[in-house]
Amino acid sequence: MFNLNLSDTIAAISTPIGQAGIGIVRLSGKKSLSIADKIFMGKDGKKTSKFKTYTTHYGWIISQCANKPISRLNRQIGKSANRRTEIIDEVILTVMRAPRSYTKEDIVEINCHSGIVPLKKILDLVLNQGARLAQPGEFTKRAFLNGRIDLAQAESVLDIIRAKTELALRVSFNQLKGDLSKQVQDLRNHLLDIIANLEASIDFPEEDVDTISYAQLLKRIEKNENALTRLLDSARGGKILREGMSVVICGRPNVGKSSLLNALLGEERAIVTPIPGTTRDTIEEIINLEGAPLKIVDTAGIIEPKDLIEKEAVQRSQKYLSSADLVLLVFDGSQRLNKDDRILINRTKDKQTIALINKIDLKQHIDISKLKNLFKDIVRISALKRKGLDSLRKQILKKVWGGAIISSDEVLVSNVRHEDALRKALAALLEAKDIIKSGHSLELISHCLKEAVDCLGEITGETIGEDILNRIFSDFCIGK
């Protein structure tokens, strides 16, 4: 993304291209109203530049065409026009004047019929009248650069768009409201107060200024350290809400993996037969488990491949298993453990695993005592009869949230960039503590605290480079 000129008027299609009821072409910038004057004809005949802010108006998007015949509708809407007009579409136009708009600039939104032809023709008209095509995320970037939102709030817009569950949506909206930004800014202000005390002691050692003892300094730094640690502790839950959690179902052939997938989904997604090896490829589905987006993967149960297809299936299963956040290792309770079971036990020994004893509706022959020695978490189920699934869901949730209860009102760190900045800030505070304990100079302590302040500023955008800004907004869609 090039360096943006905020004096430009930008335009873009802000809705997905395709057949739908409504499509939106959005403009932002100084020329938005004057451009709309040239292409919009309202039913009341008024110019867009005369419309009040936060108003919507019915009319037509028109194009001046000197050699086109005038239709009846053209004559109706073009009485005051000196040239012939072509009607592009029937629309609703909305005006939001600066500074009370999304970008703090004049904004015009044209709600037209969706479809590639009307949307593209309207966008081309707007561009021909002096706007330029917006870059990815440029509307939101302008909202940040013009001071309407900070950088953390701007990033939350993308999280809202990509939210996989209602809980993820509510947490992202809290960030858009500024809940995370407030906590980060409070931390930053506390550290700036400490730095001010230190600088006064350094610059005016002979003056009668309030000085801070090493003991007081240590106590205040530790208070900020604890607040930073609490924010970082939320990062795991935030990452799950943002990216989802990979849950892999594995087990030897015919233990009921596909039946379990169907039971968790509540639909017949996978083919289930009594023939071992029916599933010869991985099957992926997303489920919402009390706000946690889980990517459930049903793997092929083949242990020793007999042909190239089975070999590929085994390789895919192993790939998913190695990257899994949680493994559901399924055993057939109606049979004794065999060699294939032991191979899978060995492959999952370093993974977070729940052992599932399936087919409890049948006579049991599995040696449960052996599994208790191997697994901390064991759940007995019948995937076919839908028994024990509530216990399984509770156990999965414990693994997802680590026993904690995630509230929609919580402030969660869900962005990897934010987490990295918090970790760097925490490292700077810990270094400052070490310097205090070793009795070194106040200048070194102040330097570490300034580093922490800069790291926190990266989250809200006070201390951020253009290259990082470009990288952040390049992930946005054009039109947002």
Foldseek 3Di string as FASTA:
>chain_A
DDDDDQQAKAKDWQDDADADAKTKIKIWHDCQQVLQQQFWQFLVRDGSVPDDAFDKTWTFGKDFDQPDDADPVQCNRCVVPPGGIDTLFTWIKHWHDACPDQLNTTMIMTITGHHDRSVVVVVVSSVVSGHYYDAFLRSLVSSCVVPVAFPQLSLLVVQCVQFPFPLSNLLSVLVVVPPVVVLLVVLLVLLVVVLVQLVCCVPCVPDPDDHDDLVRVLVSLVVSLVSLVVQLLQQLVLQQRRPNFEEEEEEAWQLCLQLLVCLQVVHNPDDDDNDTQPDLAKDWDWDQQPSGTYIYIYAGNDDDDDDPSSVVSVVRSLVSLVPHQEYEYGDAQQDEDDPSSVVVLVSCQPHHYAYEHEDPVDDGDYDVVVVVVRDVHYFYYYSNVSPRVVVVSVVVVCSSSVNDDDDSNDNHDNDPLLSVLSVQLSVLSVVLNVCSVVPDDSVSSSVSSVSSSLSSCCSRVPRDDPVVVCVSSNPGGRND
